[in-house]
Amino acid sequence: MKYIEMTINTSKDKKDIIEGILFDYGIYTTEEISSDIVDELDQDEKDWDFIDYPLLNSNEDIFALRVYPENMEDANNLKAELSEKKLGQCLVEEKDDEDWANNWKKYYKPLEIGEKLAIVPEWEDYDNDNRVVIKINPGMAFGTGTHESTYMCLELLERYVNKDDDIFDIGCGSGILAIAGLKLGAKKALLVDIDEKCIDASHENAGLNDLEDKMEIKKGNLLDVVKGRADLIVSNIIAEIIVDEIKNLKNHMEKGGIFITSGIIKERRQMVIHALEENGFEIIDELEKNNWVAIVGRLNV
C-alpha cells in the first residue's frame, strides 16, 4: 500500500507553530525526532506515545517532525507554506509498504485518562474494573486520546457530564468524545462532522462500544444540521472555527449549559475566551497541556 511520508527538518522553538499549521491540514499526530524527547514527556512511561528508542542517542542539534499527509496535493501545499514562512525544510516521499495497514498499530496502546477513563484500541486486551473502557479503532479520523486537545476534553467530560445529559459533539472526528460522555452517564448524543471518513469512523466506534441506539450521527457543517438543545456541547476543532460558532451556541443550549472546547493553541486562548464572554458564557474551568488549551464555559444568559 502506498502512503506519503513528510519529514520536516526544523528547530524545537518552531514546533508549536508548525503543529498549529498541521492541525489546519487535518494532521493531528506527529512523530518527533530529537535527542531530548523524553525530557518533554510529562506522562508516566505507560502512557507514552510510541518512541523509537534509538532516537534517544540522536545528535542534539537535530530536530524534525514526521507526518503522513492524506494526499500529495496537501503535502505539496504544506511544504510550500512551511517554506514560505521559513519554518523548516521538508522531504516528501511516496512509500510502499505491503503491511502499512497493520504497522501503524504499534503506536497505539491502552491509555488511561483522568480517574475513570481508559481508551483501548480494539485489538488490545485491557482489564481494569476501576476504569470505564472506551474501545476505539484509531483510523484516519481524528480522536484517539493521544493528542493533547482530545486528552483534555476527555478529562473535562469526566468532570462535567451529568447523569441523563443530552450532549452534542460538534466536529466529532472518531466519535470518542461522545462515546466517553455516554459511558460517563449521558442519556444520548448527537454527533456532527463534515468529513465522510469521520462519519464512518463514528459509526464503527459506536458499534465497538454497543452505543448505536444512543448516538445520532449526522454529516454537516457544525451546527447547521443541529436541532434542539443540549445540556453539554463539546467541540474539539480549531480556534477560528470555534470563535465563529460561539454566537450560535445559545440557540442550542439552555441557560446553565456547559460548553467544552479545545483544539486551541495557547496563542489563541484569549481570542476564544473573549468570544465566549462576549456571548454570555462564564469561564469556569481551563486546562493546558504542551501549549494546547481546553476551556469550559457555562451559559448564563
C-alpha atoms as a PDB file:
ATOM      1  CA  MET A   1       0.000   0.000   0.000  1.00  0.00           C
ATOM      2  CA  LYS A   2       1.340   3.420  -0.941  1.00  0.00           C
ATOM      3  CA  TYR A   3       1.437   6.276   1.548  1.00  0.00           C
ATOM      4  CA  ILE A   4       3.028   9.726   1.815  1.00  0.00           C
ATOM      5  CA  GLU A   5       5.692  10.456   4.416  1.00  0.00           C
ATOM      6  CA  MET A   6       6.844  14.019   5.105  1.00  0.00           C
ATOM      7  CA  THR A   7       9.839  14.853   7.274  1.00  0.00           C
ATOM      8  CA  ILE A   8      10.037  18.472   8.434  1.00  0.00           C
ATOM      9  CA  ASN A   9      13.576  19.443   9.452  1.00  0.00           C
ATOM     10  CA  THR A  10      13.151  22.388  11.765  1.00  0.00           C
ATOM     11  CA  SER A  11      14.034  23.600  15.265  1.00  0.00           C
ATOM     12  CA  LYS A  12      12.385  22.964  18.594  1.00  0.00           C
ATOM     13  CA  ASP A  13      11.234  26.565  19.057  1.00  0.00           C
ATOM     14  CA  LYS A  14       9.112  26.315  15.882  1.00  0.00           C
ATOM     15  CA  LYS A  15       7.327  23.104  16.863  1.00  0.00           C
ATOM     16  CA  ASP A  16       4.152  24.703  18.246  1.00  0.00           C
ATOM     17  CA  ILE A  17       3.704  26.988  15.228  1.00  0.00           C
ATOM     18  CA  ILE A  18       4.158  24.052  12.850  1.00  0.00           C
ATOM     19  CA  GLU A  19       1.693  21.882  14.788  1.00  0.00           C
ATOM     20  CA  GLY A  20      -0.891  24.658  14.543  1.00  0.00           C
ATOM     21  CA  ILE A  21      -0.459  24.675  10.747  1.00  0.00           C
ATOM     22  CA  LEU A  22      -0.611  20.861  10.607  1.00  0.00           C
ATOM     23  CA  PHE A  23      -3.880  20.987  12.545  1.00  0.00           C
ATOM     24  CA  ASP A  24      -5.338  23.213   9.805  1.00  0.00           C
ATOM     25  CA  TYR A  25      -4.461  20.478   7.281  1.00  0.00           C
ATOM     26  CA  GLY A  26      -6.183  17.804   9.367  1.00  0.00           C
ATOM     27  CA  ILE A  27      -2.885  16.305  10.572  1.00  0.00           C
ATOM     28  CA  TYR A  28      -3.104  15.747  14.313  1.00  0.00           C
ATOM     29  CA  THR A  29      -0.398  13.169  15.041  1.00  0.00           C
ATOM     30  CA  THR A  30       3.342  13.790  14.652  1.00  0.00           C
ATOM     31  CA  GLU A  31       6.452  11.707  15.175  1.00  0.00           C
ATOM     32  CA  GLU A  32       9.151  13.754  16.870  1.00  0.00           C
ATOM     33  CA  ILE A  33      12.770  13.039  16.054  1.00  0.00           C
ATOM     34  CA  SER A  34      15.106  14.549  18.655  1.00  0.00           C
ATOM     35  CA  SER A  35      17.552  13.500  21.317  1.00  0.00           C
ATOM     36  CA  ASP A  36      15.742  15.195  24.204  1.00  0.00           C
ATOM     37  CA  ILE A  37      12.208  13.944  23.548  1.00  0.00           C
ATOM     38  CA  VAL A  38      11.959  12.115  26.886  1.00  0.00           C
ATOM     39  CA  ASP A  39      12.596  15.340  28.793  1.00  0.00           C
ATOM     40  CA  GLU A  40       9.466  16.820  27.233  1.00  0.00           C
ATOM     41  CA  LEU A  41       7.153  13.975  28.241  1.00  0.00           C
ATOM     42  CA  ASP A  42       5.155  14.648  31.380  1.00  0.00           C
ATOM     43  CA  GLN A  43       3.211  11.392  31.381  1.00  0.00           C
ATOM     44  CA  ASP A  44       4.123   8.140  33.040  1.00  0.00           C
ATOM     45  CA  GLU A  45       6.010   5.767  30.750  1.00  0.00           C
ATOM     46  CA  LYS A  46       2.973   3.531  30.357  1.00  0.00           C
ATOM     47  CA  ASP A  47       1.064   6.469  28.857  1.00  0.00           C
ATOM     48  CA  TRP A  48       3.717   7.483  26.323  1.00  0.00           C
ATOM     49  CA  ASP A  49       3.024   7.515  22.622  1.00  0.00           C
ATOM     50  CA  PHE A  50       5.335   5.148  20.738  1.00  0.00           C
ATOM     51  CA  ILE A  51       9.059   6.044  20.982  1.00  0.00           C
ATOM     52  CA  ASP A  52      11.781   4.668  18.776  1.00  0.00           C
ATOM     53  CA  TYR A  53      14.408   4.301  21.482  1.00  0.00           C
ATOM     54  CA  PRO A  54      17.493   4.692  19.229  1.00  0.00           C
ATOM     55  CA  LEU A  55      16.375   8.296  18.821  1.00  0.00           C
ATOM     56  CA  LEU A  56      17.444   8.926  22.404  1.00  0.00           C
ATOM     57  CA  ASN A  57      21.014   8.942  21.128  1.00  0.00           C
ATOM     58  CA  SER A  58      20.349  11.329  18.245  1.00  0.00           C
ATOM     59  CA  ASN A  59      22.570  14.316  17.624  1.00  0.00           C
ATOM     60  CA  GLU A  60      21.178  17.002  19.939  1.00  0.00           C
ATOM     61  CA  ASP A  61      21.259  19.556  17.102  1.00  0.00           C
ATOM     62  CA  ILE A  62      18.760  17.509  15.100  1.00  0.00           C
ATOM     63  CA  PHE A  63      15.064  18.212  15.457  1.00  0.00           C
ATOM     64  CA  ALA A  64      12.445  17.017  12.996  1.00  0.00           C
ATOM     65  CA  LEU A  65       8.747  16.201  12.804  1.00  0.00           C
ATOM     66  CA  ARG A  66       7.440  13.356  10.670  1.00  0.00           C
ATOM     67  CA  VAL A  67       3.846  13.334   9.456  1.00  0.00           C
ATOM     68  CA  TYR A  68       1.697  11.483   6.927  1.00  0.00           C
ATOM     69  CA  PRO A  69      -0.426  13.777   4.711  1.00  0.00           C
ATOM     70  CA  GLU A  70      -3.514  12.217   3.195  1.00  0.00           C
ATOM     71  CA  ASN A  71      -2.630  13.141  -0.395  1.00  0.00           C
ATOM     72  CA  MET A  72       0.180  14.647  -2.453  1.00  0.00           C
ATOM     73  CA  GLU A  73      -1.682  17.911  -3.030  1.00  0.00           C
ATOM     74  CA  ASP A  74      -1.881  18.549   0.719  1.00  0.00           C
ATOM     75  CA  ALA A  75       1.772  17.536   1.108  1.00  0.00           C
ATOM     76  CA  ASN A  76       2.924  19.983  -1.566  1.00  0.00           C
ATOM     77  CA  ASN A  77       0.772  22.822  -0.220  1.00  0.00           C
ATOM     78  CA  LEU A  78       2.050  22.195   3.295  1.00  0.00           C
ATOM     79  CA  LYS A  79       5.655  22.092   2.069  1.00  0.00           C
ATOM     80  CA  ALA A  80       5.189  25.412   0.257  1.00  0.00           C
ATOM     81  CA  GLU A  81       3.589  27.085   3.293  1.00  0.00           C
ATOM     82  CA  LEU A  82       6.297  25.960   5.704  1.00  0.00           C
ATOM     83  CA  SER A  83       8.984  27.084   3.263  1.00  0.00           C
ATOM     84  CA  GLU A  84       7.352  30.473   2.694  1.00  0.00           C
ATOM     85  CA  LYS A  85       7.121  31.054   6.465  1.00  0.00           C
ATOM     86  CA  LYS A  86      10.720  29.856   6.934  1.00  0.00           C
ATOM     87  CA  LEU A  87       9.628  27.173   9.391  1.00  0.00           C
ATOM     88  CA  GLY A  88      11.683  24.295   8.031  1.00  0.00           C
ATOM     89  CA  GLN A  89      12.772  22.200   5.093  1.00  0.00           C
ATOM     90  CA  CYS A  90      10.518  19.336   4.033  1.00  0.00           C
ATOM     91  CA  LEU A  91      11.287  15.997   2.464  1.00  0.00           C
ATOM     92  CA  VAL A  92       8.218  14.405   0.859  1.00  0.00           C
ATOM     93  CA  GLU A  93       8.345  10.753  -0.170  1.00  0.00           C
ATOM     94  CA  GLU A  94       5.774   8.328  -1.502  1.00  0.00           C
ATOM     95  CA  LYS A  95       6.438   4.944   0.045  1.00  0.00           C
ATOM     96  CA  ASP A  96       5.154   1.450  -0.486  1.00  0.00           C
ATOM     97  CA  ASP A  97       4.709  -0.853   2.497  1.00  0.00           C
ATOM     98  CA  GLU A  98       2.720  -4.012   1.982  1.00  0.00           C
ATOM     99  CA  ASP A  99       1.927  -4.190   5.692  1.00  0.00           C
ATOM    100  CA  TRP A 100       1.371  -0.457   6.256  1.00  0.00           C
ATOM    101  CA  ALA A 101      -2.241  -1.122   7.223  1.00  0.00           C
ATOM    102  CA  ASN A 102      -1.028  -3.037  10.299  1.00  0.00           C
ATOM    103  CA  ASN A 103       2.350  -1.475  11.084  1.00  0.00           C
ATOM    104  CA  TRP A 104       0.810   1.709  12.474  1.00  0.00           C
ATOM    105  CA  LYS A 105      -0.930  -0.273  15.201  1.00  0.00           C
ATOM    106  CA  LYS A 106       2.299  -0.400  17.237  1.00  0.00           C
ATOM    107  CA  TYR A 107       1.758   3.282  18.024  1.00  0.00           C
ATOM    108  CA  TYR A 108      -1.445   2.681  19.975  1.00  0.00           C
ATOM    109  CA  LYS A 109      -1.695   1.065  23.414  1.00  0.00           C
ATOM    110  CA  PRO A 110      -4.349   1.379  26.155  1.00  0.00           C
ATOM    111  CA  LEU A 111      -4.328   4.910  27.525  1.00  0.00           C
ATOM    112  CA  GLU A 112      -5.690   5.806  30.971  1.00  0.00           C
ATOM    113  CA  ILE A 113      -7.112   9.326  31.226  1.00  0.00           C
ATOM    114  CA  GLY A 114      -8.299  11.117  34.346  1.00  0.00           C
ATOM    115  CA  GLU A 115      -9.622   8.991  37.181  1.00  0.00           C
ATOM    116  CA  LYS A 116     -12.199   6.943  35.292  1.00  0.00           C
ATOM    117  CA  LEU A 117     -11.469   6.512  31.594  1.00  0.00           C
ATOM    118  CA  ALA A 118      -9.366   4.100  29.553  1.00  0.00           C
ATOM    119  CA  ILE A 119      -9.064   4.371  25.764  1.00  0.00           C
ATOM    120  CA  VAL A 120      -8.360   0.898  24.382  1.00  0.00           C
ATOM    121  CA  PRO A 121      -7.598   0.028  20.717  1.00  0.00           C
ATOM    122  CA  GLU A 122      -9.953  -2.712  19.602  1.00  0.00           C
ATOM    123  CA  TRP A 123      -7.099  -5.240  19.126  1.00  0.00           C
ATOM    124  CA  GLU A 124      -5.627  -4.705  22.634  1.00  0.00           C
ATOM    125  CA  ASP A 125      -6.575  -6.573  25.812  1.00  0.00           C
ATOM    126  CA  TYR A 126      -7.261  -4.466  28.907  1.00  0.00           C
ATOM    127  CA  ASP A 127      -8.544  -5.477  32.306  1.00  0.00           C
ATOM    128  CA  ASN A 128      -9.273  -2.873  34.993  1.00  0.00           C
ATOM    129  CA  ASP A 129     -12.649  -2.855  36.704  1.00  0.00           C
ATOM    130  CA  ASN A 130     -11.956   0.631  38.066  1.00  0.00           C
ATOM    131  CA  ARG A 131     -11.945   2.220  34.610  1.00  0.00           C
ATOM    132  CA  VAL A 132     -14.667   2.946  32.067  1.00  0.00           C
ATOM    133  CA  VAL A 133     -13.371   1.343  28.859  1.00  0.00           C
ATOM    134  CA  ILE A 134     -13.811   3.068  25.508  1.00  0.00           C
ATOM    135  CA  LYS A 135     -12.965   0.751  22.624  1.00  0.00           C
ATOM    136  CA  ILE A 136     -11.722   2.540  19.522  1.00  0.00           C
ATOM    137  CA  ASN A 137     -10.356   1.800  16.086  1.00  0.00           C
ATOM    138  CA  PRO A 138      -7.743   4.548  15.567  1.00  0.00           C
ATOM    139  CA  GLY A 139      -8.002   5.022  11.839  1.00  0.00           C
ATOM    140  CA  MET A 140      -7.941   8.108   9.647  1.00  0.00           C
ATOM    141  CA  ALA A 141     -10.401  10.141  11.745  1.00  0.00           C
ATOM    142  CA  PHE A 142      -9.061  12.440  14.447  1.00  0.00           C
ATOM    143  CA  GLY A 143      -9.622  11.369  18.030  1.00  0.00           C
ATOM    144  CA  THR A 144      -7.624   8.623  19.707  1.00  0.00           C
ATOM    145  CA  GLY A 145      -6.947  10.284  23.057  1.00  0.00           C
ATOM    146  CA  THR A 146      -3.232  10.742  22.442  1.00  0.00           C
ATOM    147  CA  HIS A 147      -3.441  14.304  21.134  1.00  0.00           C
ATOM    148  CA  GLU A 148      -3.387  16.910  23.899  1.00  0.00           C
ATOM    149  CA  SER A 149      -6.664  18.527  22.845  1.00  0.00           C
ATOM    150  CA  THR A 150      -8.564  15.217  22.875  1.00  0.00           C
ATOM    151  CA  TYR A 151      -6.922  14.172  26.143  1.00  0.00           C
ATOM    152  CA  MET A 152      -8.025  17.395  27.864  1.00  0.00           C
ATOM    153  CA  CYS A 153     -11.579  17.195  26.505  1.00  0.00           C
ATOM    154  CA  LEU A 154     -11.861  13.697  27.959  1.00  0.00           C
ATOM    155  CA  GLU A 155     -10.597  14.923  31.341  1.00  0.00           C
ATOM    156  CA  LEU A 156     -13.152  17.732  31.312  1.00  0.00           C
ATOM    157  CA  LEU A 157     -16.015  15.471  30.245  1.00  0.00           C
ATOM    158  CA  GLU A 158     -15.243  13.364  33.296  1.00  0.00           C
ATOM    159  CA  ARG A 159     -15.738  16.480  35.439  1.00  0.00           C
ATOM    160  CA  TYR A 160     -18.861  17.922  33.812  1.00  0.00           C
ATOM    161  CA  VAL A 161     -21.052  15.197  32.320  1.00  0.00           C
ATOM    162  CA  ASN A 162     -24.115  14.593  34.483  1.00  0.00           C
ATOM    163  CA  LYS A 163     -26.416  11.595  34.506  1.00  0.00           C
ATOM    164  CA  ASP A 164     -29.038  11.729  31.724  1.00  0.00           C
ATOM    165  CA  ASP A 165     -27.458  14.712  29.950  1.00  0.00           C
ATOM    166  CA  ASP A 166     -28.152  15.284  26.269  1.00  0.00           C
ATOM    167  CA  ILE A 167     -24.805  16.054  24.606  1.00  0.00           C
ATOM    168  CA  PHE A 168     -23.719  17.355  21.202  1.00  0.00           C
ATOM    169  CA  ASP A 169     -20.287  16.567  19.776  1.00  0.00           C
ATOM    170  CA  ILE A 170     -19.574  19.137  17.042  1.00  0.00           C
ATOM    171  CA  GLY A 171     -16.727  18.141  14.747  1.00  0.00           C
ATOM    172  CA  CYS A 172     -16.883  14.637  16.149  1.00  0.00           C
ATOM    173  CA  GLY A 173     -13.909  13.019  14.372  1.00  0.00           C
ATOM    174  CA  SER A 174     -13.782   9.432  15.615  1.00  0.00           C
ATOM    175  CA  GLY A 175     -16.740   9.934  17.977  1.00  0.00           C
ATOM    176  CA  ILE A 176     -14.540   9.333  21.014  1.00  0.00           C
ATOM    177  CA  LEU A 177     -15.818  12.338  22.981  1.00  0.00           C
ATOM    178  CA  ALA A 178     -19.492  11.495  22.558  1.00  0.00           C
ATOM    179  CA  ILE A 179     -18.776   7.865  23.443  1.00  0.00           C
ATOM    180  CA  ALA A 180     -16.963   8.988  26.585  1.00  0.00           C
ATOM    181  CA  GLY A 181     -19.886  11.229  27.529  1.00  0.00           C
ATOM    182  CA  LEU A 182     -22.351   8.375  27.167  1.00  0.00           C
ATOM    183  CA  LYS A 183     -20.184   5.977  29.159  1.00  0.00           C
ATOM    184  CA  LEU A 184     -19.918   8.629  31.878  1.00  0.00           C
ATOM    185  CA  GLY A 185     -23.702   8.735  32.234  1.00  0.00           C
ATOM    186  CA  ALA A 186     -25.160  10.921  29.462  1.00  0.00           C
ATOM    187  CA  LYS A 187     -28.515   9.791  28.060  1.00  0.00           C
ATOM    188  CA  LYS A 188     -27.961  10.400  24.340  1.00  0.00           C
ATOM    189  CA  ALA A 189     -25.553  12.101  21.959  1.00  0.00           C
ATOM    190  CA  LEU A 190     -25.791  13.919  18.640  1.00  0.00           C
ATOM    191  CA  LEU A 191     -22.577  13.884  16.595  1.00  0.00           C
ATOM    192  CA  VAL A 192     -21.800  16.107  13.606  1.00  0.00           C
ATOM    193  CA  ASP A 193     -18.874  16.218  11.182  1.00  0.00           C
ATOM    194  CA  ILE A 194     -18.408  17.430   7.636  1.00  0.00           C
ATOM    195  CA  ASP A 195     -15.952  14.646   6.742  1.00  0.00           C
ATOM    196  CA  GLU A 196     -17.406  11.363   5.467  1.00  0.00           C
ATOM    197  CA  LYS A 197     -14.474   9.417   6.973  1.00  0.00           C
ATOM    198  CA  CYS A 198     -15.352  10.812  10.385  1.00  0.00           C
ATOM    199  CA  ILE A 199     -18.967   9.779   9.960  1.00  0.00           C
ATOM    200  CA  ASP A 200     -17.883   6.238   9.074  1.00  0.00           C
ATOM    201  CA  ALA A 201     -15.401   6.112  11.967  1.00  0.00           C
ATOM    202  CA  SER A 202     -18.013   7.328  14.451  1.00  0.00           C
ATOM    203  CA  HIS A 203     -20.465   4.653  13.326  1.00  0.00           C
ATOM    204  CA  GLU A 204     -17.768   1.983  13.636  1.00  0.00           C
ATOM    205  CA  ASN A 205     -16.716   3.116  17.107  1.00  0.00           C
ATOM    206  CA  ALA A 206     -20.349   3.368  18.219  1.00  0.00           C
ATOM    207  CA  GLY A 207     -20.678  -0.297  17.279  1.00  0.00           C
ATOM    208  CA  LEU A 208     -17.496  -1.278  19.115  1.00  0.00           C
ATOM    209  CA  ASN A 209     -18.987   0.226  22.278  1.00  0.00           C
ATOM    210  CA  ASP A 210     -22.579  -1.015  21.782  1.00  0.00           C
ATOM    211  CA  LEU A 211     -23.920   2.536  21.721  1.00  0.00           C
ATOM    212  CA  GLU A 212     -25.608   2.725  18.309  1.00  0.00           C
ATOM    213  CA  ASP A 213     -29.034   3.211  19.915  1.00  0.00           C
ATOM    214  CA  LYS A 214     -27.850   6.266  21.889  1.00  0.00           C
ATOM    215  CA  MET A 215     -25.912   8.033  19.140  1.00  0.00           C
ATOM    216  CA  GLU A 216     -27.323  10.049  16.225  1.00  0.00           C
ATOM    217  CA  ILE A 217     -24.559  10.812  13.706  1.00  0.00           C
ATOM    218  CA  LYS A 218     -25.068  13.484  11.042  1.00  0.00           C
ATOM    219  CA  LYS A 219     -22.942  14.785   8.203  1.00  0.00           C
ATOM    220  CA  GLY A 220     -22.965  18.558   8.042  1.00  0.00           C
ATOM    221  CA  ASN A 221     -21.244  21.828   8.752  1.00  0.00           C
ATOM    222  CA  LEU A 222     -21.075  22.311  12.516  1.00  0.00           C
ATOM    223  CA  LEU A 223     -24.420  23.485  13.972  1.00  0.00           C
ATOM    224  CA  ASP A 224     -26.153  23.915  10.605  1.00  0.00           C
ATOM    225  CA  VAL A 225     -27.787  20.468  10.823  1.00  0.00           C
ATOM    226  CA  VAL A 226     -28.492  20.573  14.572  1.00  0.00           C
ATOM    227  CA  LYS A 227     -31.973  20.939  16.035  1.00  0.00           C
ATOM    228  CA  GLY A 228     -32.932  21.060  19.684  1.00  0.00           C
ATOM    229  CA  ARG A 229     -30.888  21.882  22.765  1.00  0.00           C
ATOM    230  CA  ALA A 230     -28.172  20.119  24.719  1.00  0.00           C
ATOM    231  CA  ASP A 231     -27.130  20.128  28.342  1.00  0.00           C
ATOM    232  CA  LEU A 232     -23.496  19.916  27.232  1.00  0.00           C
ATOM    233  CA  ILE A 233     -21.746  20.650  23.942  1.00  0.00           C
ATOM    234  CA  VAL A 234     -18.171  19.565  23.246  1.00  0.00           C
ATOM    235  CA  SER A 235     -16.174  20.742  20.243  1.00  0.00           C
ATOM    236  CA  ASN A 236     -12.557  19.873  19.543  1.00  0.00           C
ATOM    237  CA  ILE A 237     -11.728  21.906  16.436  1.00  0.00           C
ATOM    238  CA  ILE A 238      -9.515  24.892  15.635  1.00  0.00           C
ATOM    239  CA  ALA A 239      -9.855  28.231  17.445  1.00  0.00           C
ATOM    240  CA  GLU A 240     -11.001  30.310  14.467  1.00  0.00           C
ATOM    241  CA  ILE A 241     -13.940  27.982  13.749  1.00  0.00           C
ATOM    242  CA  ILE A 242     -14.832  27.820  17.442  1.00  0.00           C
ATOM    243  CA  VAL A 243     -14.977  31.616  17.660  1.00  0.00           C
ATOM    244  CA  ASP A 244     -17.174  31.815  14.582  1.00  0.00           C
ATOM    245  CA  GLU A 245     -19.651  29.281  16.003  1.00  0.00           C
ATOM    246  CA  ILE A 246     -19.875  30.563  19.585  1.00  0.00           C
ATOM    247  CA  LYS A 247     -22.588  33.079  18.686  1.00  0.00           C
ATOM    248  CA  ASN A 248     -24.832  30.176  17.600  1.00  0.00           C
ATOM    249  CA  LEU A 249     -24.389  28.093  20.745  1.00  0.00           C
ATOM    250  CA  LYS A 250     -27.091  29.849  22.754  1.00  0.00           C
ATOM    251  CA  ASN A 251     -29.657  28.652  20.216  1.00  0.00           C
ATOM    252  CA  HIS A 252     -28.812  25.057  21.130  1.00  0.00           C
ATOM    253  CA  MET A 253     -28.273  25.240  24.912  1.00  0.00           C
ATOM    254  CA  GLU A 254     -30.383  26.014  27.935  1.00  0.00           C
ATOM    255  CA  LYS A 255     -29.208  28.572  30.469  1.00  0.00           C
ATOM    256  CA  GLY A 256     -26.587  26.878  32.619  1.00  0.00           C
ATOM    257  CA  GLY A 257     -25.468  24.630  29.760  1.00  0.00           C
ATOM    258  CA  ILE A 258     -21.820  23.606  29.577  1.00  0.00           C
ATOM    259  CA  PHE A 259     -19.549  24.146  26.568  1.00  0.00           C
ATOM    260  CA  ILE A 260     -16.209  22.279  26.466  1.00  0.00           C
ATOM    261  CA  THR A 261     -13.841  23.265  23.696  1.00  0.00           C
ATOM    262  CA  SER A 262     -10.260  22.547  22.683  1.00  0.00           C
ATOM    263  CA  GLY A 263      -8.063  22.417  19.589  1.00  0.00           C
ATOM    264  CA  ILE A 264      -6.818  25.826  20.725  1.00  0.00           C
ATOM    265  CA  ILE A 265      -3.135  26.678  20.651  1.00  0.00           C
ATOM    266  CA  LYS A 266      -2.062  28.814  23.589  1.00  0.00           C
ATOM    267  CA  GLU A 267      -1.566  31.929  21.476  1.00  0.00           C
ATOM    268  CA  ARG A 268      -5.267  31.905  20.508  1.00  0.00           C
ATOM    269  CA  ARG A 269      -6.598  31.268  24.014  1.00  0.00           C
ATOM    270  CA  GLN A 270      -7.630  34.860  24.720  1.00  0.00           C
ATOM    271  CA  MET A 271      -9.441  35.121  21.396  1.00  0.00           C
ATOM    272  CA  VAL A 272     -11.694  32.189  22.369  1.00  0.00           C
ATOM    273  CA  ILE A 273     -12.238  33.436  25.924  1.00  0.00           C
ATOM    274  CA  HIS A 274     -13.210  36.883  24.644  1.00  0.00           C
ATOM    275  CA  ALA A 275     -15.750  35.396  22.224  1.00  0.00           C
ATOM    276  CA  LEU A 276     -17.264  33.215  24.952  1.00  0.00           C
ATOM    277  CA  GLU A 277     -17.608  36.075  27.433  1.00  0.00           C
ATOM    278  CA  GLU A 278     -18.998  38.375  24.761  1.00  0.00           C
ATOM    279  CA  ASN A 279     -21.759  35.827  24.110  1.00  0.00           C
ATOM    280  CA  GLY A 280     -22.859  35.269  27.702  1.00  0.00           C
ATOM    281  CA  PHE A 281     -20.540  32.464  28.840  1.00  0.00           C
ATOM    282  CA  GLU A 282     -18.753  32.410  32.178  1.00  0.00           C
ATOM    283  CA  ILE A 283     -15.348  30.705  32.068  1.00  0.00           C
ATOM    284  CA  ILE A 284     -15.451  28.054  34.796  1.00  0.00           C
ATOM    285  CA  ASP A 285     -12.510  25.780  34.004  1.00  0.00           C
ATOM    286  CA  GLU A 286      -9.400  25.560  31.869  1.00  0.00           C
ATOM    287  CA  LEU A 287      -6.611  23.083  31.161  1.00  0.00           C
ATOM    288  CA  GLU A 288      -3.285  23.493  29.371  1.00  0.00           C
ATOM    289  CA  LYS A 289      -1.057  20.743  28.023  1.00  0.00           C
ATOM    290  CA  ASN A 290       2.036  21.173  25.836  1.00  0.00           C
ATOM    291  CA  ASN A 291       0.887  24.581  24.545  1.00  0.00           C
ATOM    292  CA  TRP A 292      -2.664  23.393  23.800  1.00  0.00           C
ATOM    293  CA  VAL A 293      -5.610  24.792  25.771  1.00  0.00           C
ATOM    294  CA  ALA A 294      -9.065  23.488  26.665  1.00  0.00           C
ATOM    295  CA  ILE A 295     -11.727  25.832  28.016  1.00  0.00           C
ATOM    296  CA  VAL A 296     -15.067  25.279  29.766  1.00  0.00           C
ATOM    297  CA  GLY A 297     -17.793  27.907  29.602  1.00  0.00           C
ATOM    298  CA  ARG A 298     -21.226  27.985  31.263  1.00  0.00           C
ATOM    299  CA  LEU A 299     -24.056  29.837  29.501  1.00  0.00           C
ATOM    300  CA  ASN A 300     -25.502  32.477  31.825  1.00  0.00           C
ATOM    301  CA  VAL A 301     -27.997  34.229  29.537  1.00  0.00           C
END
